[in-house]
PDB file of N, CA and C in Angstrom:
ATOM      1  N   MET A   1     -10.195 -15.536  -3.484  1.00  0.00           N
ATOM      2  CA  MET A   1      -9.159 -15.539  -2.644  1.00  0.00           C
ATOM      3  C   MET A   1      -9.199 -14.105  -2.437  1.00  0.00           C
ATOM      4  N   ALA A   2      -8.704 -13.386  -3.491  1.00  0.00           N
ATOM      5  CA  ALA A   2      -8.624 -11.992  -3.493  1.00  0.00           C
ATOM      6  C   ALA A   2     -10.130 -11.270  -4.056  1.00  0.00           C
ATOM      7  N   THR A   3     -10.838 -12.196  -4.371  1.00  0.00           N
ATOM      8  CA  THR A   3     -12.002 -11.367  -4.441  1.00  0.00           C
ATOM      9  C   THR A   3     -13.142 -10.763  -3.181  1.00  0.00           C
ATOM     10  N   ALA A   4     -12.505 -11.326  -2.320  1.00  0.00           N
ATOM     11  CA  ALA A   4     -13.188 -10.671  -0.800  1.00  0.00           C
ATOM     12  C   ALA A   4     -13.117  -8.813  -0.920  1.00  0.00           C
ATOM     13  N   PHE A   5     -11.765  -8.284  -1.488  1.00  0.00           N
ATOM     14  CA  PHE A   5     -11.542  -7.313  -1.927  1.00  0.00           C
ATOM     15  C   PHE A   5     -12.394  -6.258  -2.964  1.00  0.00           C
ATOM     16  N   LEU A   6     -13.034  -7.248  -3.518  1.00  0.00           N
ATOM     17  CA  LEU A   6     -13.887  -5.806  -4.641  1.00  0.00           C
ATOM     18  C   LEU A   6     -15.124  -6.149  -3.892  1.00  0.00           C
ATOM     19  N   VAL A   7     -15.717  -5.007  -3.567  1.00  0.00           N
ATOM     20  CA  VAL A   7     -16.764  -4.615  -2.968  1.00  0.00           C
ATOM     21  C   VAL A   7     -17.109  -3.089  -3.583  1.00  0.00           C
ATOM     22  N   GLU A   8     -18.212  -3.134  -3.669  1.00  0.00           N
ATOM     23  CA  GLU A   8     -18.615  -1.451  -3.735  1.00  0.00           C
ATOM     24  C   GLU A   8     -18.549  -0.583  -2.916  1.00  0.00           C
ATOM     25  N   PRO A   9     -18.166   0.853  -3.412  1.00  0.00           N
ATOM     26  CA  PRO A   9     -17.541   1.696  -2.493  1.00  0.00           C
ATOM     27  C   PRO A   9     -18.827   1.775  -1.434  1.00  0.00           C
ATOM     28  N   PRO A  10     -18.455   2.343  -0.453  1.00  0.00           N
ATOM     29  CA  PRO A  10     -19.905   2.617   0.493  1.00  0.00           C
ATOM     30  C   PRO A  10     -20.075   4.205   0.099  1.00  0.00           C
ATOM     31  N   PRO A  11     -21.397   4.547   0.625  1.00  0.00           N
ATOM     32  CA  PRO A  11     -21.805   5.601   0.151  1.00  0.00           C
ATOM     33  C   PRO A  11     -21.361   6.860   0.853  1.00  0.00           C
ATOM     34  N   ALA A  12     -21.289   8.113   0.325  1.00  0.00           N
ATOM     35  CA  ALA A  12     -20.405   9.116   1.225  1.00  0.00           C
ATOM     36  C   ALA A  12     -20.680   9.243   2.912  1.00  0.00           C
ATOM     37  N   VAL A  13     -22.152   8.862   2.954  1.00  0.00           N
ATOM     38  CA  VAL A  13     -22.574   8.941   4.458  1.00  0.00           C
ATOM     39  C   VAL A  13     -21.976   7.955   5.315  1.00  0.00           C
ATOM     40  N   ALA A  14     -21.537   6.940   4.676  1.00  0.00           N
ATOM     41  CA  ALA A  14     -20.712   5.606   5.369  1.00  0.00           C
ATOM     42  C   ALA A  14     -19.338   6.294   5.606  1.00  0.00           C
ATOM     43  N   ARG A  15     -18.429   6.846   5.071  1.00  0.00           N
ATOM     44  CA  ARG A  15     -17.012   7.055   4.940  1.00  0.00           C
ATOM     45  C   ARG A  15     -16.666   7.424   6.585  1.00  0.00           C
ATOM     46  N   ARG A  16     -15.732   6.722   6.968  1.00  0.00           N
ATOM     47  CA  ARG A  16     -14.938   6.870   8.358  1.00  0.00           C
ATOM     48  C   ARG A  16     -13.585   7.017   8.154  1.00  0.00           C
ATOM     49  N   PRO A  17     -12.736   7.232   9.253  1.00  0.00           N
ATOM     50  CA  PRO A  17     -11.514   7.425   9.195  1.00  0.00           C
ATOM     51  C   PRO A  17     -11.022   5.894   9.249  1.00  0.00           C
ATOM     52  N   LEU A  18      -9.773   5.902   8.510  1.00  0.00           N
ATOM     53  CA  LEU A  18      -9.469   4.543   8.568  1.00  0.00           C
ATOM     54  C   LEU A  18      -8.679   4.249   9.716  1.00  0.00           C
ATOM     55  N   THR A  19      -8.506   3.225  10.607  1.00  0.00           N
ATOM     56  CA  THR A  19      -8.580   2.392  11.436  1.00  0.00           C
ATOM     57  C   THR A  19      -7.313   1.633  11.568  1.00  0.00           C
ATOM     58  N   GLU A  20      -6.449   1.283  12.344  1.00  0.00           N
ATOM     59  CA  GLU A  20      -5.614   0.335  12.504  1.00  0.00           C
ATOM     60  C   GLU A  20      -5.106  -1.630  11.726  1.00  0.00           C
ATOM     61  N   GLU A  21      -7.091  -1.718  12.199  1.00  0.00           N
ATOM     62  CA  GLU A  21      -7.250  -3.120  11.273  1.00  0.00           C
ATOM     63  C   GLU A  21      -7.211  -2.927   9.811  1.00  0.00           C
ATOM     64  N   ASP A  22      -7.484  -1.424   9.500  1.00  0.00           N
ATOM     65  CA  ASP A  22      -8.004  -1.319   7.919  1.00  0.00           C
ATOM     66  C   ASP A  22      -6.497  -1.226   7.404  1.00  0.00           C
ATOM     67  N   ALA A  23      -5.388  -0.695   8.407  1.00  0.00           N
ATOM     68  CA  ALA A  23      -4.072  -0.215   7.703  1.00  0.00           C
ATOM     69  C   ALA A  23      -3.289  -1.851   7.616  1.00  0.00           C
ATOM     70  N   ILE A  24      -3.916  -3.075   8.179  1.00  0.00           N
ATOM     71  CA  ILE A  24      -3.251  -4.215   8.420  1.00  0.00           C
ATOM     72  C   ILE A  24      -3.751  -4.798   7.360  1.00  0.00           C
ATOM     73  N   ASP A  25      -5.326  -4.833   6.765  1.00  0.00           N
ATOM     74  CA  ASP A  25      -5.744  -5.016   5.631  1.00  0.00           C
ATOM     75  C   ASP A  25      -5.000  -4.697   4.267  1.00  0.00           C
ATOM     76  N   ILE A  26      -4.715  -3.338   4.280  1.00  0.00           N
ATOM     77  CA  ILE A  26      -4.219  -2.677   3.475  1.00  0.00           C
ATOM     78  C   ILE A  26      -2.972  -2.887   3.227  1.00  0.00           C
ATOM     79  N   TRP A  27      -2.009  -3.461   4.159  1.00  0.00           N
ATOM     80  CA  TRP A  27      -0.881  -4.022   3.938  1.00  0.00           C
ATOM     81  C   TRP A  27      -1.038  -5.257   3.241  1.00  0.00           C
ATOM     82  N   ILE A  28      -1.986  -6.210   3.750  1.00  0.00           N
ATOM     83  CA  ILE A  28      -2.204  -7.780   3.350  1.00  0.00           C
ATOM     84  C   ILE A  28      -2.531  -7.348   1.751  1.00  0.00           C
ATOM     85  N   ALA A  29      -3.789  -6.820   1.378  1.00  0.00           N
ATOM     86  CA  ALA A  29      -4.062  -6.390  -0.076  1.00  0.00           C
ATOM     87  C   ALA A  29      -2.729  -5.983  -0.790  1.00  0.00           C
ATOM     88  N   ARG A  30      -1.971  -5.151  -0.444  1.00  0.00           N
ATOM     89  CA  ARG A  30      -0.855  -5.001  -1.589  1.00  0.00           C
ATOM     90  C   ARG A  30      -0.297  -6.014  -1.703  1.00  0.00           C
ATOM     91  N   TRP A  31       0.348  -6.945  -0.343  1.00  0.00           N
ATOM     92  CA  TRP A  31       0.916  -8.477  -0.953  1.00  0.00           C
ATOM     93  C   TRP A  31       0.011  -9.084  -1.710  1.00  0.00           C
ATOM     94  N   LEU A  32      -0.737  -8.742  -1.711  1.00  0.00           N
ATOM     95  CA  LEU A  32      -2.014 -10.168  -2.803  1.00  0.00           C
ATOM     96  C   LEU A  32      -2.037  -9.015  -4.263  1.00  0.00           C
ATOM     97  N   ARG A  33      -1.651  -8.090  -3.922  1.00  0.00           N
ATOM     98  CA  ARG A  33      -1.655  -7.760  -5.354  1.00  0.00           C
ATOM     99  C   ARG A  33      -2.698  -7.093  -6.161  1.00  0.00           C
ATOM    100  N   ILE A  34      -3.979  -6.148  -5.115  1.00  0.00           N
ATOM    101  CA  ILE A  34      -4.974  -5.844  -4.838  1.00  0.00           C
ATOM    102  C   ILE A  34      -4.694  -4.369  -5.511  1.00  0.00           C
ATOM    103  N   ARG A  35      -5.016  -4.227  -6.809  1.00  0.00           N
ATOM    104  CA  ARG A  35      -4.902  -2.678  -7.201  1.00  0.00           C
ATOM    105  C   ARG A  35      -5.250  -1.514  -5.927  1.00  0.00           C
ATOM    106  N   PRO A  36      -4.241  -0.537  -6.275  1.00  0.00           N
ATOM    107  CA  PRO A  36      -4.643   0.597  -5.184  1.00  0.00           C
ATOM    108  C   PRO A  36      -6.081   1.056  -5.408  1.00  0.00           C
ATOM    109  N   THR A  37      -6.464   0.990  -6.794  1.00  0.00           N
ATOM    110  CA  THR A  37      -8.065   1.866  -7.324  1.00  0.00           C
ATOM    111  C   THR A  37      -9.213   0.896  -6.605  1.00  0.00           C
ATOM    112  N   ASP A  38      -8.666  -0.154  -6.484  1.00  0.00           N
ATOM    113  CA  ASP A  38      -9.816  -0.883  -5.569  1.00  0.00           C
ATOM    114  C   ASP A  38      -9.947  -0.881  -4.258  1.00  0.00           C
ATOM    115  N   LEU A  39      -8.548  -0.721  -3.634  1.00  0.00           N
ATOM    116  CA  LEU A  39      -8.859  -0.054  -2.186  1.00  0.00           C
ATOM    117  C   LEU A  39      -9.421   1.077  -2.194  1.00  0.00           C
ATOM    118  N   GLN A  40      -8.851   2.025  -2.798  1.00  0.00           N
ATOM    119  CA  GLN A  40      -9.592   3.380  -2.812  1.00  0.00           C
ATOM    120  C   GLN A  40     -11.138   3.139  -2.929  1.00  0.00           C
ATOM    121  N   ARG A  41     -11.547   2.428  -3.393  1.00  0.00           N
ATOM    122  CA  ARG A  41     -12.718   2.474  -3.524  1.00  0.00           C
ATOM    123  C   ARG A  41     -13.655   1.844  -2.433  1.00  0.00           C
ATOM    124  N   ARG A  42     -12.657   0.751  -2.159  1.00  0.00           N
ATOM    125  CA  ARG A  42     -13.187  -0.090  -0.891  1.00  0.00           C
ATOM    126  C   ARG A  42     -13.294   0.607   0.395  1.00  0.00           C
ATOM    127  N   TYR A  43     -12.155   1.545   0.790  1.00  0.00           N
ATOM    128  CA  TYR A  43     -11.964   2.273   1.923  1.00  0.00           C
ATOM    129  C   TYR A  43     -12.772   3.784   1.478  1.00  0.00           C
ATOM    130  N   ALA A  44     -13.071   4.122   0.358  1.00  0.00           N
ATOM    131  CA  ALA A  44     -13.529   5.202   0.027  1.00  0.00           C
ATOM    132  C   ALA A  44     -12.740   6.432   0.554  1.00  0.00           C
ATOM    133  N   CYS A  45     -11.328   6.172   0.294  1.00  0.00           N
ATOM    134  CA  CYS A  45     -10.412   6.856   0.519  1.00  0.00           C
ATOM    135  C   CYS A  45      -9.773   7.566  -0.527  1.00  0.00           C
ATOM    136  N   ASP A  46      -8.856   8.546  -0.403  1.00  0.00           N
ATOM    137  CA  ASP A  46      -7.655   9.487  -0.895  1.00  0.00           C
ATOM    138  C   ASP A  46      -6.878   8.456  -1.029  1.00  0.00           C
ATOM    139  N   PRO A  47      -6.140   8.910  -2.239  1.00  0.00           N
ATOM    140  CA  PRO A  47      -4.878   7.691  -2.695  1.00  0.00           C
ATOM    141  C   PRO A  47      -3.552   8.229  -1.743  1.00  0.00           C
ATOM    142  N   ARG A  48      -3.722   9.355  -1.307  1.00  0.00           N
ATOM    143  CA  ARG A  48      -2.661   9.522  -0.533  1.00  0.00           C
ATOM    144  C   ARG A  48      -2.811   8.850   1.154  1.00  0.00           C
ATOM    145  N   ARG A  49      -3.661   8.486   1.495  1.00  0.00           N
ATOM    146  CA  ARG A  49      -3.846   7.587   2.578  1.00  0.00           C
ATOM    147  C   ARG A  49      -3.332   6.418   2.492  1.00  0.00           C
ATOM    148  N   LEU A  50      -3.417   5.703   1.541  1.00  0.00           N
ATOM    149  CA  LEU A  50      -2.943   4.639   1.115  1.00  0.00           C
ATOM    150  C   LEU A  50      -0.986   4.472   1.536  1.00  0.00           C
ATOM    151  N   TYR A  51      -0.511   5.535   0.541  1.00  0.00           N
ATOM    152  CA  TYR A  51       0.770   5.646   0.715  1.00  0.00           C
ATOM    153  C   TYR A  51       1.085   6.115   2.102  1.00  0.00           C
ATOM    154  N   GLU A  52       0.385   6.900   2.486  1.00  0.00           N
ATOM    155  CA  GLU A  52       0.753   6.939   3.864  1.00  0.00           C
ATOM    156  C   GLU A  52       0.547   5.919   5.248  1.00  0.00           C
ATOM    157  N   ILE A  53       0.049   4.780   4.857  1.00  0.00           N
ATOM    158  CA  ILE A  53       0.255   3.784   5.343  1.00  0.00           C
ATOM    159  C   ILE A  53       1.470   3.055   5.180  1.00  0.00           C
ATOM    160  N   TRP A  54       1.466   3.032   3.822  1.00  0.00           N
ATOM    161  CA  TRP A  54       2.573   2.077   2.844  1.00  0.00           C
ATOM    162  C   TRP A  54       4.039   2.330   3.627  1.00  0.00           C
ATOM    163  N   GLU A  55       3.931   4.029   3.853  1.00  0.00           N
ATOM    164  CA  GLU A  55       5.213   4.645   4.204  1.00  0.00           C
ATOM    165  C   GLU A  55       5.633   4.489   5.964  1.00  0.00           C
ATOM    166  N   GLU A  56       4.477   4.029   6.445  1.00  0.00           N
ATOM    167  CA  GLU A  56       4.181   3.970   7.680  1.00  0.00           C
ATOM    168  C   GLU A  56       4.137   5.399   8.591  1.00  0.00           C
ATOM    169  N   VAL A  57       3.971   6.510   7.500  1.00  0.00           N
ATOM    170  CA  VAL A  57       3.868   7.756   8.569  1.00  0.00           C
ATOM    171  C   VAL A  57       2.446   7.906   9.224  1.00  0.00           C
ATOM    172  N   ARG A  58       1.303   7.142   8.728  1.00  0.00           N
ATOM    173  CA  ARG A  58       0.283   6.836   9.813  1.00  0.00           C
ATOM    174  C   ARG A  58       0.195   5.333  10.371  1.00  0.00           C
ATOM    175  N   PHE A  59      -0.073   4.816  11.225  1.00  0.00           N
ATOM    176  CA  PHE A  59      -0.007   3.642  11.762  1.00  0.00           C
ATOM    177  C   PHE A  59       1.417   2.892  11.881  1.00  0.00           C
ATOM    178  N   PRO A  60       2.139   3.566  12.209  1.00  0.00           N
ATOM    179  CA  PRO A  60       3.714   2.900  12.241  1.00  0.00           C
ATOM    180  C   PRO A  60       3.836   1.437  12.914  1.00  0.00           C
ATOM    181  N   GLY A  61       4.460   0.476  12.567  1.00  0.00           N
ATOM    182  CA  GLY A  61       4.294  -0.980  12.845  1.00  0.00           C
ATOM    183  C   GLY A  61       3.651  -1.600  12.680  1.00  0.00           C
ATOM    184  N   THR A  62       2.324  -0.901  11.759  1.00  0.00           N
ATOM    185  CA  THR A  62       0.961  -2.126  10.976  1.00  0.00           C
ATOM    186  C   THR A  62       1.924  -3.240  10.083  1.00  0.00           C
ATOM    187  N   ARG A  63       3.078  -2.696   9.322  1.00  0.00           N
ATOM    188  CA  ARG A  63       3.554  -3.701   8.360  1.00  0.00           C
ATOM    189  C   ARG A  63       4.179  -4.806   8.866  1.00  0.00           C
ATOM    190  N   ALA A  64       4.711  -4.742  10.258  1.00  0.00           N
ATOM    191  CA  ALA A  64       5.095  -6.000  10.865  1.00  0.00           C
ATOM    192  C   ALA A  64       4.016  -7.055  11.361  1.00  0.00           C
ATOM    193  N   GLN A  65       2.765  -6.229  11.918  1.00  0.00           N
ATOM    194  CA  GLN A  65       1.441  -6.986  12.586  1.00  0.00           C
ATOM    195  C   GLN A  65       1.106  -7.633  10.946  1.00  0.00           C
ATOM    196  N   ALA A  66       0.829  -6.546   9.913  1.00  0.00           N
ATOM    197  CA  ALA A  66       0.201  -7.515   8.820  1.00  0.00           C
ATOM    198  C   ALA A  66       1.221  -8.345   8.338  1.00  0.00           C
ATOM    199  N   LEU A  67       2.608  -8.349   8.253  1.00  0.00           N
ATOM    200  CA  LEU A  67       3.510  -9.365   7.735  1.00  0.00           C
ATOM    201  C   LEU A  67       3.111 -11.056   8.755  1.00  0.00           C
ATOM    202  N   ALA A  68       2.595 -10.733  10.010  1.00  0.00           N
ATOM    203  CA  ALA A  68       2.657 -11.973  11.050  1.00  0.00           C
ATOM    204  C   ALA A  68       1.371 -12.419  10.701  1.00  0.00           C
ATOM    205  N   GLU A  69       0.507 -11.505  10.448  1.00  0.00           N
ATOM    206  CA  GLU A  69      -1.125 -11.752  10.346  1.00  0.00           C
ATOM    207  C   GLU A  69      -1.218 -12.693   8.827  1.00  0.00           C
ATOM    208  N   PHE A  70      -0.557 -12.087   7.785  1.00  0.00           N
ATOM    209  CA  PHE A  70      -0.479 -12.447   6.139  1.00  0.00           C
ATOM    210  C   PHE A  70       0.045 -14.195   6.758  1.00  0.00           C
ATOM    211  N   GLN A  71       1.213 -14.042   7.312  1.00  0.00           N
ATOM    212  CA  GLN A  71       1.409 -15.820   7.691  1.00  0.00           C
ATOM    213  C   GLN A  71       0.861 -16.340   8.278  1.00  0.00           C
ATOM    214  N   ARG A  72      -0.289 -16.028   9.034  1.00  0.00           N
ATOM    215  CA  ARG A  72      -0.791 -16.683   9.574  1.00  0.00           C
ATOM    216  C   ARG A  72      -2.592 -17.310   8.531  1.00  0.00           C
ATOM    217  N   ARG A  73      -2.625 -16.214   7.981  1.00  0.00           N
ATOM    218  CA  ARG A  73      -3.995 -16.880   6.917  1.00  0.00           C
ATOM    219  C   ARG A  73      -3.260 -17.506   5.521  1.00  0.00           C
ATOM    220  N   PHE A  74      -2.156 -16.955   5.193  1.00  0.00           N
ATOM    221  CA  PHE A  74      -1.787 -17.552   3.685  1.00  0.00           C
ATOM    222  C   PHE A  74      -0.508 -18.512   4.267  1.00  0.00           C
ATOM    223  N   PRO A  75      -0.114 -19.267   4.637  1.00  0.00           N
ATOM    224  CA  PRO A  75       0.830 -20.167   4.884  1.00  0.00           C
ATOM    225  C   PRO A  75       1.487 -20.488   3.533  1.00  0.00           C
ATOM    226  N   GLY A  76       2.958 -20.217   3.518  1.00  0.00           N
ATOM    227  CA  GLY A  76       3.499 -20.541   2.170  1.00  0.00           C
ATOM    228  C   GLY A  76       3.805 -19.666   1.245  1.00  0.00           C
ATOM    229  N   LEU A  77       2.803 -18.270   1.144  1.00  0.00           N
ATOM    230  CA  LEU A  77       3.095 -17.365   0.357  1.00  0.00           C
ATOM    231  C   LEU A  77       4.026 -16.265   0.533  1.00  0.00           C
ATOM    232  N   GLU A  78       4.944 -16.376   1.668  1.00  0.00           N
ATOM    233  CA  GLU A  78       5.687 -15.362   1.899  1.00  0.00           C
ATOM    234  C   GLU A  78       6.661 -15.281   0.642  1.00  0.00           C
ATOM    235  N   PRO A  79       7.177 -15.981   0.147  1.00  0.00           N
ATOM    236  CA  PRO A  79       8.591 -16.128  -0.552  1.00  0.00           C
ATOM    237  C   PRO A  79       7.907 -15.508  -1.947  1.00  0.00           C
ATOM    238  N   ARG A  80       6.697 -15.197  -2.351  1.00  0.00           N
ATOM    239  CA  ARG A  80       6.481 -14.663  -3.439  1.00  0.00           C
ATOM    240  C   ARG A  80       6.108 -13.418  -3.213  1.00  0.00           C
ATOM    241  N   PHE A  81       6.306 -12.334  -2.663  1.00  0.00           N
ATOM    242  CA  PHE A  81       6.548 -11.044  -2.500  1.00  0.00           C
ATOM    243  C   PHE A  81       7.422 -10.310  -1.649  1.00  0.00           C
ATOM    244  N   ASP A  82       7.901  -8.937  -1.913  1.00  0.00           N
ATOM    245  CA  ASP A  82       8.610  -8.410  -1.050  1.00  0.00           C
ATOM    246  C   ASP A  82       7.959  -7.465   0.424  1.00  0.00           C
ATOM    247  N   PRO A  83       8.429  -8.025   1.359  1.00  0.00           N
ATOM    248  CA  PRO A  83       7.558  -7.784   2.522  1.00  0.00           C
ATOM    249  C   PRO A  83       8.246  -6.166   3.043  1.00  0.00           C
ATOM    250  N   GLY A  84       9.275  -5.914   2.247  1.00  0.00           N
ATOM    251  CA  GLY A  84       9.787  -4.567   2.689  1.00  0.00           C
ATOM    252  C   GLY A  84       9.143  -3.373   2.631  1.00  0.00           C
ATOM    253  N   PRO A  85       9.552  -2.582   3.142  1.00  0.00           N
ATOM    254  CA  PRO A  85       8.990  -1.230   3.265  1.00  0.00           C
ATOM    255  C   PRO A  85       8.823  -0.620   1.941  1.00  0.00           C
ATOM    256  N   HIS A  86       7.843   0.310   1.516  1.00  0.00           N
ATOM    257  CA  HIS A  86       7.416   1.277   0.575  1.00  0.00           C
ATOM    258  C   HIS A  86       8.704   2.248   0.247  1.00  0.00           C
ATOM    259  N   ARG A  87       8.872   1.834  -1.166  1.00  0.00           N
ATOM    260  CA  ARG A  87      10.033   2.975  -1.468  1.00  0.00           C
ATOM    261  C   ARG A  87       9.389   3.628  -2.530  1.00  0.00           C
ATOM    262  N   ARG A  88       9.718   5.412  -2.280  1.00  0.00           N
ATOM    263  CA  ARG A  88       9.401   5.885  -3.069  1.00  0.00           C
ATOM    264  C   ARG A  88       9.951   6.020  -4.742  1.00  0.00           C
ATOM    265  N   VAL A  89       9.764   6.524  -5.154  1.00  0.00           N
ATOM    266  CA  VAL A  89      10.929   6.635  -6.831  1.00  0.00           C
ATOM    267  C   VAL A  89      10.556   7.970  -7.136  1.00  0.00           C
ATOM    268  N   PRO A  90      12.067   8.459  -6.963  1.00  0.00           N
ATOM    269  CA  PRO A  90      11.809   9.950  -7.690  1.00  0.00           C
ATOM    270  C   PRO A  90      11.837   9.937  -8.864  1.00  0.00           C
ATOM    271  N   THR A  91      10.869  11.254  -9.149  1.00  0.00           N
ATOM    272  CA  THR A  91      10.674  12.014 -10.358  1.00  0.00           C
ATOM    273  C   THR A  91      11.915  12.852 -11.093  1.00  0.00           C
ATOM    274  N   ALA A  92      12.352  13.478 -10.050  1.00  0.00           N
ATOM    275  CA  ALA A  92      13.628  14.182 -10.541  1.00  0.00           C
ATOM    276  C   ALA A  92      14.631  13.631 -11.012  1.00  0.00           C
ATOM    277  N   PRO A  93      15.041  14.137 -12.156  1.00  0.00           N
ATOM    278  CA  PRO A  93      16.362  13.561 -12.582  1.00  0.00           C
ATOM    279  C   PRO A  93      17.542  13.582 -11.396  1.00  0.00           C
ATOM    280  N   HIS A  94      18.517  12.695 -11.601  1.00  0.00           N
ATOM    281  CA  HIS A  94      19.605  12.785 -10.839  1.00  0.00           C
ATOM    282  C   HIS A  94      20.264  13.752 -11.336  1.00  0.00           C
ATOM    283  N   PRO A  95      21.168  14.296 -10.533  1.00  0.00           N
ATOM    284  CA  PRO A  95      22.132  15.692 -10.412  1.00  0.00           C
ATOM    285  C   PRO A  95      22.927  15.274 -11.755  1.00  0.00           C
ATOM    286  N   GLY A  96      23.930  14.163 -11.538  1.00  0.00           N
ATOM    287  CA  GLY A  96      24.659  13.396 -12.182  1.00  0.00           C
ATOM    288  C   GLY A  96      24.374  13.326 -13.855  1.00  0.00           C
ATOM    289  N   GLN A  97      23.046  13.088 -14.068  1.00  0.00           N
ATOM    290  CA  GLN A  97      22.578  13.151 -15.166  1.00  0.00           C
ATOM    291  C   GLN A  97      23.192  14.158 -16.324  1.00  0.00           C
ATOM    292  N   LEU A  98      23.145  15.067 -15.791  1.00  0.00           N
ATOM    293  CA  LEU A  98      23.509  16.418 -16.242  1.00  0.00           C
ATOM    294  C   LEU A  98      24.813  16.388 -16.963  1.00  0.00           C
ATOM    295  N   SER A  99      25.508  15.531 -16.365  1.00  0.00           N
ATOM    296  CA  SER A  99      26.843  15.807 -17.117  1.00  0.00           C
ATOM    297  C   SER A  99      27.098  15.084 -18.216  1.00  0.00           C
ATOM    298  N   LEU A 100      25.993  13.972 -18.476  1.00  0.00           N
ATOM    299  CA  LEU A 100      26.199  13.622 -19.434  1.00  0.00           C
ATOM    300  C   LEU A 100      26.204  14.560 -20.734  1.00  0.00           C
ATOM    301  N   PHE A 101      25.679  15.938 -20.969  1.00  0.00           N
ATOM    302  CA  PHE A 101      25.094  16.882 -22.013  1.00  0.00           C
ATOM    303  C   PHE A 101      26.345  17.524 -22.117  1.00  0.00           C
ATOM    304  N   SER A 102      27.120  17.935 -23.082  1.00  0.00           N
ATOM    305  CA  SER A 102      27.920  19.068 -22.994  1.00  0.00           C
ATOM    306  C   SER A 102      27.380  20.403 -23.366  1.00  0.00           C
ATOM    307  N   ASP A 103      28.452  21.331 -23.066  1.00  0.00           N
ATOM    308  CA  ASP A 103      28.010  22.993 -22.903  1.00  0.00           C
ATOM    309  C   ASP A 103      28.079  23.207 -24.464  1.00  0.00           C
ATOM    310  N   LYS A 104      28.482  22.600 -25.261  1.00  0.00           N
ATOM    311  CA  LYS A 104      28.762  23.240 -26.602  1.00  0.00           C
ATOM    312  C   LYS A 104      27.367  23.515 -27.295  1.00  0.00           C
TER     313      LYS A 104
END
């Protein structure tokens, strides 16, 4: 099922901008737990382009379209993943953590 996403990267000449169909497939691949590095190779893109899709900065509304397509292609698998939007994990410490240390 997931082996369809494991393809050789296209040559540099064949690179093209991502389309809305690509964005839908990228969402579905995320839910199928395809590694982002494999997606980068398949679409010959920078990893930031994947996160722009997952944060819906590019191609807004594709998550809902991808969920409908996922339900059509893979009926019964919906309860196995979280179809919610991508959430960034902040790398900076929370300001409240600094109060855990004394000023002595």
